[in-house]
C-alpha cells in the first residue's frame, strides 16, 4: 500500500529492504523462525500498535502484528542476541523496564482499590471554593510611561473627558485600542498594586492618583464587580478525583520508603 503512493525509487528501496529482511530471516534456523508467544503478548502488541482493543483488530492487522512478533522473537532467540542480553548496560535497561512496568501496574491497582469517594471529592471541592477569590472586577485602564502623563489624564477625566477615548488615544498597553478594556478578572490575576487599587475603588469610579507597577503608570476605571461564581462540582469532579487518588498513592509511597529506611 505504501509503494502505490511512492516513486519508483521508493519502491525499489522498499523492495530491497524486504529482500534483505527475507534473506536475514531465511538464514535463521527453522527452530528459531517459529517461536511461541502467548496470546496475551499478541493482544498487547495489537493494542499498542493499533490503539484499540485487540478484539477489534482485523485479520490483516493480526497477520501483520503476528509477523512483526515472529521477527522480534526470532532475532531475540539467536545466540548473539542472548549474548548481548548479558551486557551489563542492556541488563540494566531490561531490569529498569521491568521495574517500571511493575510500578505502573501496582499504581493502577492501588488507585483502583483506593478510589476517591464522593465525600472526599466534595470535601476537597468545598476547600477550593473557600479559597477562591470572593469577588471579580470589570475594569479599564490607561497605561502611560510617566507619572506626569497619568496626572494629566486624571485631570482630563475629572473635567468630564471620556475614559474610553482617552485610553484609545494615550494608552501604551495592548488593551489601548479597545478603550483599555480588561474584562472580568479576580484580584489574584493582576499585580498587587493594580489589584489593590481596583479593590479600593467603588463601581463606576476611577483612581484619582496614578498607580505604579513594573509596566508603567496606570489610571484605572472600575466599571463593575460581582461575587465570584465557583465552577459546578461536576465540571471539576474528574480533576479533583485524580488529585485525591494521586495524593493517596504519594502518601503510600512515602510510608513505604520511610519503613524501608528504618
C-alpha atoms as a PDB file:
ATOM      1  CA  UNK A   1       0.000   0.000   0.000  1.00  0.00           C
ATOM      2  CA  UNK A   2       2.815   2.387   0.767  1.00  0.00           C
ATOM      3  CA  UNK A   3       4.586   1.640  -2.520  1.00  0.00           C
ATOM      4  CA  UNK A   4       1.477   2.600  -4.511  1.00  0.00           C
ATOM      5  CA  UNK A   5       1.886   6.182  -3.312  1.00  0.00           C
ATOM      6  CA  UNK A   6       5.682   6.417  -3.635  1.00  0.00           C
ATOM      7  CA  UNK A   7       8.032   6.965  -6.518  1.00  0.00           C
ATOM      8  CA  UNK A   8       9.702   4.087  -8.327  1.00  0.00           C
ATOM      9  CA  UNK A   9      12.904   4.792  -6.386  1.00  0.00           C
ATOM     10  CA  UNK A  10      10.979   4.482  -3.117  1.00  0.00           C
ATOM     11  CA  UNK A  11       9.535   1.235  -4.409  1.00  0.00           C
ATOM     12  CA  UNK A  12      12.990  -0.074  -5.220  1.00  0.00           C
ATOM     13  CA  UNK A  13      14.268   0.818  -1.750  1.00  0.00           C
ATOM     14  CA  UNK A  14      11.278  -0.896  -0.121  1.00  0.00           C
ATOM     15  CA  UNK A  15      11.781  -3.968  -2.296  1.00  0.00           C
ATOM     16  CA  UNK A  16      15.456  -4.068  -1.375  1.00  0.00           C
ATOM     17  CA  UNK A  17      14.620  -3.727   2.315  1.00  0.00           C
ATOM     18  CA  UNK A  18      12.054  -6.504   2.070  1.00  0.00           C
ATOM     19  CA  UNK A  19      14.569  -8.741   0.292  1.00  0.00           C
ATOM     20  CA  UNK A  20      17.192  -8.040   2.970  1.00  0.00           C
ATOM     21  CA  UNK A  21      14.717  -8.953   5.701  1.00  0.00           C
ATOM     22  CA  UNK A  22      13.742 -12.113   3.837  1.00  0.00           C
ATOM     23  CA  UNK A  23      17.389 -13.145   3.462  1.00  0.00           C
ATOM     24  CA  UNK A  24      18.066 -12.408   7.154  1.00  0.00           C
ATOM     25  CA  UNK A  25      15.075 -14.406   8.398  1.00  0.00           C
ATOM     26  CA  UNK A  26      15.775 -17.199   5.925  1.00  0.00           C
ATOM     27  CA  UNK A  27      19.224 -17.565   7.449  1.00  0.00           C
ATOM     28  CA  UNK A  28      17.724 -18.182  10.885  1.00  0.00           C
ATOM     29  CA  UNK A  29      17.443 -21.834  11.910  1.00  0.00           C
ATOM     30  CA  UNK A  30      13.951 -23.241  11.427  1.00  0.00           C
ATOM     31  CA  UNK A  31      13.560 -23.805  15.164  1.00  0.00           C
ATOM     32  CA  UNK A  32      14.066 -20.083  15.747  1.00  0.00           C
ATOM     33  CA  UNK A  33      11.774 -18.914  12.938  1.00  0.00           C
ATOM     34  CA  UNK A  34       8.555 -20.063  14.593  1.00  0.00           C
ATOM     35  CA  UNK A  35       8.925 -19.123  18.250  1.00  0.00           C
ATOM     36  CA  UNK A  36       5.915 -19.489  20.504  1.00  0.00           C
ATOM     37  CA  UNK A  37       4.386 -16.481  22.248  1.00  0.00           C
ATOM     38  CA  UNK A  38       1.270 -16.250  24.378  1.00  0.00           C
ATOM     39  CA  UNK A  39      -1.999 -14.772  23.164  1.00  0.00           C
ATOM     40  CA  UNK A  40      -1.560 -12.073  25.842  1.00  0.00           C
ATOM     41  CA  UNK A  41       1.650 -10.967  24.087  1.00  0.00           C
ATOM     42  CA  UNK A  42      -0.155 -10.756  20.744  1.00  0.00           C
ATOM     43  CA  UNK A  43      -3.073  -8.832  22.273  1.00  0.00           C
ATOM     44  CA  UNK A  44      -0.737  -6.395  23.985  1.00  0.00           C
ATOM     45  CA  UNK A  45       1.175  -5.800  20.751  1.00  0.00           C
ATOM     46  CA  UNK A  46      -2.070  -5.300  18.827  1.00  0.00           C
ATOM     47  CA  UNK A  47      -3.352  -2.741  21.319  1.00  0.00           C
ATOM     48  CA  UNK A  48      -0.005  -0.948  21.349  1.00  0.00           C
ATOM     49  CA  UNK A  49       0.225  -0.755  17.566  1.00  0.00           C
ATOM     50  CA  UNK A  50      -3.449  -0.125  16.743  1.00  0.00           C
ATOM     51  CA  UNK A  51      -4.530   1.931  19.785  1.00  0.00           C
ATOM     52  CA  UNK A  52      -7.746  -0.048  20.073  1.00  0.00           C
ATOM     53  CA  UNK A  53      -8.888  -3.277  21.791  1.00  0.00           C
ATOM     54  CA  UNK A  54      -7.269  -6.391  20.357  1.00  0.00           C
ATOM     55  CA  UNK A  55     -10.726  -7.901  19.783  1.00  0.00           C
ATOM     56  CA  UNK A  56     -11.395  -5.170  17.202  1.00  0.00           C
ATOM     57  CA  UNK A  57      -8.343  -5.998  15.102  1.00  0.00           C
ATOM     58  CA  UNK A  58      -8.952  -7.195  11.554  1.00  0.00           C
ATOM     59  CA  UNK A  59      -7.482 -10.408  10.175  1.00  0.00           C
ATOM     60  CA  UNK A  60      -4.959  -8.405   8.153  1.00  0.00           C
ATOM     61  CA  UNK A  61      -3.897  -6.415  11.229  1.00  0.00           C
ATOM     62  CA  UNK A  62      -3.484  -9.593  13.266  1.00  0.00           C
ATOM     63  CA  UNK A  63      -1.387 -11.154  10.500  1.00  0.00           C
ATOM     64  CA  UNK A  64       0.830  -8.060  10.259  1.00  0.00           C
ATOM     65  CA  UNK A  65       1.422  -7.834  14.011  1.00  0.00           C
ATOM     66  CA  UNK A  66       1.979 -11.594  14.249  1.00  0.00           C
ATOM     67  CA  UNK A  67       4.632 -11.322  11.557  1.00  0.00           C
ATOM     68  CA  UNK A  68       6.291  -8.487  13.455  1.00  0.00           C
ATOM     69  CA  UNK A  69       6.311 -10.543  16.653  1.00  0.00           C
ATOM     70  CA  UNK A  70       7.816 -13.520  14.808  1.00  0.00           C
ATOM     71  CA  UNK A  71      10.672 -11.277  13.669  1.00  0.00           C
ATOM     72  CA  UNK A  72      11.212  -9.948  17.201  1.00  0.00           C
ATOM     73  CA  UNK A  73      11.187 -13.399  18.811  1.00  0.00           C
ATOM     74  CA  UNK A  74      13.307 -14.938  16.046  1.00  0.00           C
ATOM     75  CA  UNK A  75      16.073 -12.375  16.421  1.00  0.00           C
ATOM     76  CA  UNK A  76      15.951 -12.216  20.212  1.00  0.00           C
ATOM     77  CA  UNK A  77      16.408 -16.008  20.416  1.00  0.00           C
ATOM     78  CA  UNK A  78      19.571 -16.030  18.322  1.00  0.00           C
ATOM     79  CA  UNK A  79      22.808 -16.875  20.192  1.00  0.00           C
ATOM     80  CA  UNK A  80      24.234 -13.397  19.556  1.00  0.00           C
ATOM     81  CA  UNK A  81      21.077 -11.732  20.942  1.00  0.00           C
ATOM     82  CA  UNK A  82      21.280 -13.955  24.038  1.00  0.00           C
ATOM     83  CA  UNK A  83      24.926 -12.992  24.389  1.00  0.00           C
ATOM     84  CA  UNK A  84      24.040  -9.289  24.144  1.00  0.00           C
ATOM     85  CA  UNK A  85      21.456  -9.832  26.851  1.00  0.00           C
ATOM     86  CA  UNK A  86      24.333 -10.415  29.268  1.00  0.00           C
ATOM     87  CA  UNK A  87      25.821  -6.978  28.601  1.00  0.00           C
ATOM     88  CA  UNK A  88      25.593  -5.030  31.908  1.00  0.00           C
ATOM     89  CA  UNK A  89      24.045  -1.954  30.282  1.00  0.00           C
ATOM     90  CA  UNK A  90      21.412  -3.957  28.405  1.00  0.00           C
ATOM     91  CA  UNK A  91      20.661  -5.981  31.545  1.00  0.00           C
ATOM     92  CA  UNK A  92      20.162  -2.694  33.380  1.00  0.00           C
ATOM     93  CA  UNK A  93      17.767  -1.454  30.670  1.00  0.00           C
ATOM     94  CA  UNK A  94      15.764  -4.663  30.870  1.00  0.00           C
ATOM     95  CA  UNK A  95      15.629  -4.503  34.653  1.00  0.00           C
ATOM     96  CA  UNK A  96      14.558  -0.846  34.583  1.00  0.00           C
ATOM     97  CA  UNK A  97      11.763  -1.541  32.092  1.00  0.00           C
ATOM     98  CA  UNK A  98      10.579  -4.500  34.142  1.00  0.00           C
ATOM     99  CA  UNK A  99      10.502  -2.437  37.340  1.00  0.00           C
ATOM    100  CA  UNK A 100       8.713   0.430  35.585  1.00  0.00           C
ATOM    101  CA  UNK A 101       6.030  -1.926  34.254  1.00  0.00           C
ATOM    102  CA  UNK A 102       5.529  -3.430  37.708  1.00  0.00           C
ATOM    103  CA  UNK A 103       5.418   0.045  39.267  1.00  0.00           C
ATOM    104  CA  UNK A 104       2.706   1.218  36.861  1.00  0.00           C
ATOM    105  CA  UNK A 105       0.730  -1.995  37.318  1.00  0.00           C
ATOM    106  CA  UNK A 106       0.904  -1.645  41.111  1.00  0.00           C
ATOM    107  CA  UNK A 107      -0.024   2.053  40.965  1.00  0.00           C
ATOM    108  CA  UNK A 108      -3.079   1.348  38.815  1.00  0.00           C
ATOM    109  CA  UNK A 109      -4.118  -1.488  41.114  1.00  0.00           C
ATOM    110  CA  UNK A 110      -3.640   0.681  44.219  1.00  0.00           C
ATOM    111  CA  UNK A 111      -5.697   3.548  42.798  1.00  0.00           C
ATOM    112  CA  UNK A 112      -8.444   1.173  41.701  1.00  0.00           C
ATOM    113  CA  UNK A 113      -8.662  -0.227  45.249  1.00  0.00           C
ATOM    114  CA  UNK A 114      -8.353   3.206  46.885  1.00  0.00           C
ATOM    115  CA  UNK A 115     -10.553   5.290  44.616  1.00  0.00           C
ATOM    116  CA  UNK A 116     -11.673   8.707  45.823  1.00  0.00           C
ATOM    117  CA  UNK A 117     -15.104   8.625  47.447  1.00  0.00           C
ATOM    118  CA  UNK A 118     -17.889  11.108  46.708  1.00  0.00           C
ATOM    119  CA  UNK A 119     -17.427  12.585  50.179  1.00  0.00           C
ATOM    120  CA  UNK A 120     -13.676  13.071  49.665  1.00  0.00           C
ATOM    121  CA  UNK A 121     -14.306  14.764  46.326  1.00  0.00           C
ATOM    122  CA  UNK A 122     -16.949  17.044  47.837  1.00  0.00           C
ATOM    123  CA  UNK A 123     -14.717  17.993  50.788  1.00  0.00           C
ATOM    124  CA  UNK A 124     -11.828  19.000  48.502  1.00  0.00           C
ATOM    125  CA  UNK A 125     -14.247  20.936  46.293  1.00  0.00           C
ATOM    126  CA  UNK A 126     -15.528  22.869  49.309  1.00  0.00           C
ATOM    127  CA  UNK A 127     -11.957  23.658  50.369  1.00  0.00           C
ATOM    128  CA  UNK A 128     -11.166  25.016  46.907  1.00  0.00           C
ATOM    129  CA  UNK A 129     -14.327  27.115  46.836  1.00  0.00           C
ATOM    130  CA  UNK A 130     -13.462  28.590  50.234  1.00  0.00           C
ATOM    131  CA  UNK A 131     -10.001  29.561  48.954  1.00  0.00           C
ATOM    132  CA  UNK A 132     -11.239  31.126  45.718  1.00  0.00           C
ATOM    133  CA  UNK A 133     -11.347  34.941  45.488  1.00  0.00           C
ATOM    134  CA  UNK A 134     -14.729  36.251  46.707  1.00  0.00           C
ATOM    135  CA  UNK A 135     -15.033  38.950  44.038  1.00  0.00           C
ATOM    136  CA  UNK A 136     -14.441  39.593  40.367  1.00  0.00           C
ATOM    137  CA  UNK A 137     -13.949  43.014  38.843  1.00  0.00           C
ATOM    138  CA  UNK A 138     -14.558  44.550  35.434  1.00  0.00           C
ATOM    139  CA  UNK A 139     -12.178  47.409  34.731  1.00  0.00           C
ATOM    140  CA  UNK A 140     -10.416  49.555  32.165  1.00  0.00           C
ATOM    141  CA  UNK A 141      -7.042  51.225  32.434  1.00  0.00           C
ATOM    142  CA  UNK A 142      -4.800  53.697  30.674  1.00  0.00           C
ATOM    143  CA  UNK A 143      -1.111  52.802  30.766  1.00  0.00           C
ATOM    144  CA  UNK A 144       1.484  55.533  30.230  1.00  0.00           C
ATOM    145  CA  UNK A 145       5.232  55.813  30.779  1.00  0.00           C
ATOM    146  CA  UNK A 146       5.418  58.693  33.277  1.00  0.00           C
ATOM    147  CA  UNK A 147       3.614  59.824  36.393  1.00  0.00           C
ATOM    148  CA  UNK A 148       3.083  63.309  34.937  1.00  0.00           C
ATOM    149  CA  UNK A 149       1.256  61.839  31.935  1.00  0.00           C
ATOM    150  CA  UNK A 150      -1.016  59.884  34.267  1.00  0.00           C
ATOM    151  CA  UNK A 151      -1.758  63.004  36.368  1.00  0.00           C
ATOM    152  CA  UNK A 152      -2.660  64.962  33.215  1.00  0.00           C
ATOM    153  CA  UNK A 153      -5.100  62.214  32.171  1.00  0.00           C
ATOM    154  CA  UNK A 154      -6.734  62.186  35.618  1.00  0.00           C
ATOM    155  CA  UNK A 155      -7.220  65.948  35.347  1.00  0.00           C
ATOM    156  CA  UNK A 156      -8.965  65.475  31.988  1.00  0.00           C
ATOM    157  CA  UNK A 157     -11.204  62.759  33.447  1.00  0.00           C
ATOM    158  CA  UNK A 158     -12.143  64.992  36.346  1.00  0.00           C
ATOM    159  CA  UNK A 159     -13.092  67.613  33.786  1.00  0.00           C
ATOM    160  CA  UNK A 160     -15.522  65.220  32.112  1.00  0.00           C
ATOM    161  CA  UNK A 161     -13.367  63.541  29.434  1.00  0.00           C
ATOM    162  CA  UNK A 162     -14.407  60.109  28.179  1.00  0.00           C
ATOM    163  CA  UNK A 163     -12.243  57.316  29.665  1.00  0.00           C
ATOM    164  CA  UNK A 164     -12.598  55.038  26.633  1.00  0.00           C
ATOM    165  CA  UNK A 165     -11.480  57.723  24.194  1.00  0.00           C
ATOM    166  CA  UNK A 166      -8.548  58.755  26.401  1.00  0.00           C
ATOM    167  CA  UNK A 167      -7.425  55.133  26.575  1.00  0.00           C
ATOM    168  CA  UNK A 168      -7.601  54.717  22.808  1.00  0.00           C
ATOM    169  CA  UNK A 169      -5.588  57.902  22.277  1.00  0.00           C
ATOM    170  CA  UNK A 170      -2.994  57.555  25.035  1.00  0.00           C
ATOM    171  CA  UNK A 171      -2.621  54.025  26.448  1.00  0.00           C
ATOM    172  CA  UNK A 172       0.560  52.168  25.532  1.00  0.00           C
ATOM    173  CA  UNK A 173      -0.827  48.818  26.712  1.00  0.00           C
ATOM    174  CA  UNK A 174      -2.282  46.110  24.431  1.00  0.00           C
ATOM    175  CA  UNK A 175      -5.807  46.941  25.623  1.00  0.00           C
ATOM    176  CA  UNK A 176      -5.483  50.553  24.426  1.00  0.00           C
ATOM    177  CA  UNK A 177      -7.243  50.068  21.058  1.00  0.00           C
ATOM    178  CA  UNK A 178     -10.261  48.590  22.884  1.00  0.00           C
ATOM    179  CA  UNK A 179     -10.502  51.539  25.256  1.00  0.00           C
ATOM    180  CA  UNK A 180      -8.386  49.915  27.960  1.00  0.00           C
ATOM    181  CA  UNK A 181     -10.917  47.101  28.489  1.00  0.00           C
ATOM    182  CA  UNK A 182      -9.559  44.337  30.752  1.00  0.00           C
ATOM    183  CA  UNK A 183     -12.783  42.356  31.014  1.00  0.00           C
ATOM    184  CA  UNK A 184     -13.609  40.406  34.184  1.00  0.00           C
ATOM    185  CA  UNK A 185     -10.793  39.255  36.462  1.00  0.00           C
ATOM    186  CA  UNK A 186     -10.005  38.353  40.056  1.00  0.00           C
ATOM    187  CA  UNK A 187      -7.569  40.320  42.183  1.00  0.00           C
ATOM    188  CA  UNK A 188      -5.051  37.478  42.048  1.00  0.00           C
ATOM    189  CA  UNK A 189      -4.867  37.782  38.259  1.00  0.00           C
ATOM    190  CA  UNK A 190      -3.237  41.206  38.444  1.00  0.00           C
ATOM    191  CA  UNK A 191      -0.050  42.524  40.035  1.00  0.00           C
ATOM    192  CA  UNK A 192      -0.649  43.611  43.632  1.00  0.00           C
ATOM    193  CA  UNK A 193      -0.510  47.430  43.286  1.00  0.00           C
ATOM    194  CA  UNK A 194      -3.019  47.220  40.456  1.00  0.00           C
ATOM    195  CA  UNK A 195      -5.398  44.790  42.195  1.00  0.00           C
ATOM    196  CA  UNK A 196      -5.207  46.757  45.470  1.00  0.00           C
ATOM    197  CA  UNK A 197      -6.197  49.921  43.628  1.00  0.00           C
ATOM    198  CA  UNK A 198      -9.104  48.197  41.877  1.00  0.00           C
ATOM    199  CA  UNK A 199     -10.364  46.690  45.143  1.00  0.00           C
ATOM    200  CA  UNK A 200     -10.278  50.116  46.838  1.00  0.00           C
ATOM    201  CA  UNK A 201     -12.487  51.730  44.167  1.00  0.00           C
ATOM    202  CA  UNK A 202     -16.272  51.823  44.019  1.00  0.00           C
ATOM    203  CA  UNK A 203     -18.023  50.676  40.862  1.00  0.00           C
ATOM    204  CA  UNK A 204     -18.093  53.469  38.299  1.00  0.00           C
ATOM    205  CA  UNK A 205     -15.127  55.398  39.764  1.00  0.00           C
ATOM    206  CA  UNK A 206     -11.529  55.871  38.665  1.00  0.00           C
ATOM    207  CA  UNK A 207      -8.255  56.332  40.527  1.00  0.00           C
ATOM    208  CA  UNK A 208      -7.526  59.937  41.432  1.00  0.00           C
ATOM    209  CA  UNK A 209      -3.815  59.270  41.872  1.00  0.00           C
ATOM    210  CA  UNK A 210      -1.617  57.327  39.425  1.00  0.00           C
ATOM    211  CA  UNK A 211      -0.892  53.663  40.200  1.00  0.00           C
ATOM    212  CA  UNK A 212       2.643  52.462  39.537  1.00  0.00           C
ATOM    213  CA  UNK A 213       3.558  48.901  38.549  1.00  0.00           C
ATOM    214  CA  UNK A 214       6.521  47.376  36.747  1.00  0.00           C
ATOM    215  CA  UNK A 215       4.684  48.100  33.493  1.00  0.00           C
ATOM    216  CA  UNK A 216       4.406  51.843  33.999  1.00  0.00           C
ATOM    217  CA  UNK A 217       1.800  54.253  35.391  1.00  0.00           C
ATOM    218  CA  UNK A 218      -1.919  53.403  35.348  1.00  0.00           C
ATOM    219  CA  UNK A 219      -5.172  55.284  35.539  1.00  0.00           C
ATOM    220  CA  UNK A 220      -7.859  52.732  36.399  1.00  0.00           C
ATOM    221  CA  UNK A 221     -11.636  52.755  35.978  1.00  0.00           C
ATOM    222  CA  UNK A 222     -13.579  50.090  37.893  1.00  0.00           C
ATOM    223  CA  UNK A 223     -16.744  49.562  35.881  1.00  0.00           C
ATOM    224  CA  UNK A 224     -18.419  46.777  37.856  1.00  0.00           C
ATOM    225  CA  UNK A 225     -17.927  43.981  40.382  1.00  0.00           C
ATOM    226  CA  UNK A 226     -19.654  40.727  41.247  1.00  0.00           C
ATOM    227  CA  UNK A 227     -19.374  37.783  43.580  1.00  0.00           C
ATOM    228  CA  UNK A 228     -17.204  35.015  42.170  1.00  0.00           C
ATOM    229  CA  UNK A 229     -19.158  32.012  40.952  1.00  0.00           C
ATOM    230  CA  UNK A 230     -17.282  28.745  41.640  1.00  0.00           C
ATOM    231  CA  UNK A 231     -17.335  26.142  38.870  1.00  0.00           C
ATOM    232  CA  UNK A 232     -20.006  23.433  39.261  1.00  0.00           C
ATOM    233  CA  UNK A 233     -18.757  20.361  41.100  1.00  0.00           C
ATOM    234  CA  UNK A 234     -19.431  18.097  38.121  1.00  0.00           C
ATOM    235  CA  UNK A 235     -17.213  20.200  35.859  1.00  0.00           C
ATOM    236  CA  UNK A 236     -14.174  19.644  38.120  1.00  0.00           C
ATOM    237  CA  UNK A 237     -15.035  16.249  39.620  1.00  0.00           C
ATOM    238  CA  UNK A 238     -12.601  14.251  37.455  1.00  0.00           C
ATOM    239  CA  UNK A 239      -9.714  16.629  38.167  1.00  0.00           C
ATOM    240  CA  UNK A 240     -10.349  16.528  41.925  1.00  0.00           C
ATOM    241  CA  UNK A 241     -10.753  12.742  41.867  1.00  0.00           C
ATOM    242  CA  UNK A 242      -7.415  12.304  40.116  1.00  0.00           C
ATOM    243  CA  UNK A 243      -5.704  14.702  42.522  1.00  0.00           C
ATOM    244  CA  UNK A 244      -7.020  12.842  45.588  1.00  0.00           C
ATOM    245  CA  UNK A 245      -6.003   9.436  44.248  1.00  0.00           C
ATOM    246  CA  UNK A 246      -2.545  10.641  43.287  1.00  0.00           C
ATOM    247  CA  UNK A 247      -2.114  12.082  46.768  1.00  0.00           C
ATOM    248  CA  UNK A 248      -3.161   8.786  48.333  1.00  0.00           C
ATOM    249  CA  UNK A 249      -0.538   6.968  46.281  1.00  0.00           C
ATOM    250  CA  UNK A 250       2.107   9.574  47.110  1.00  0.00           C
ATOM    251  CA  UNK A 251       1.348   9.142  50.804  1.00  0.00           C
ATOM    252  CA  UNK A 252       1.568   5.362  50.448  1.00  0.00           C
ATOM    253  CA  UNK A 253       4.946   5.594  48.689  1.00  0.00           C
ATOM    254  CA  UNK A 254       6.276   7.914  51.385  1.00  0.00           C
ATOM    255  CA  UNK A 255       5.184   5.418  54.039  1.00  0.00           C
ATOM    256  CA  UNK A 256       6.831   2.500  52.207  1.00  0.00           C
ATOM    257  CA  UNK A 257      10.106   4.375  51.770  1.00  0.00           C
ATOM    258  CA  UNK A 258      10.047   5.523  55.377  1.00  0.00           C
ATOM    259  CA  UNK A 259       9.684   1.949  56.594  1.00  0.00           C
ATOM    260  CA  UNK A 260      12.401   0.688  54.251  1.00  0.00           C
ATOM    261  CA  UNK A 261      14.778   3.320  55.630  1.00  0.00           C
ATOM    262  CA  UNK A 262      14.333   2.126  59.212  1.00  0.00           C
END
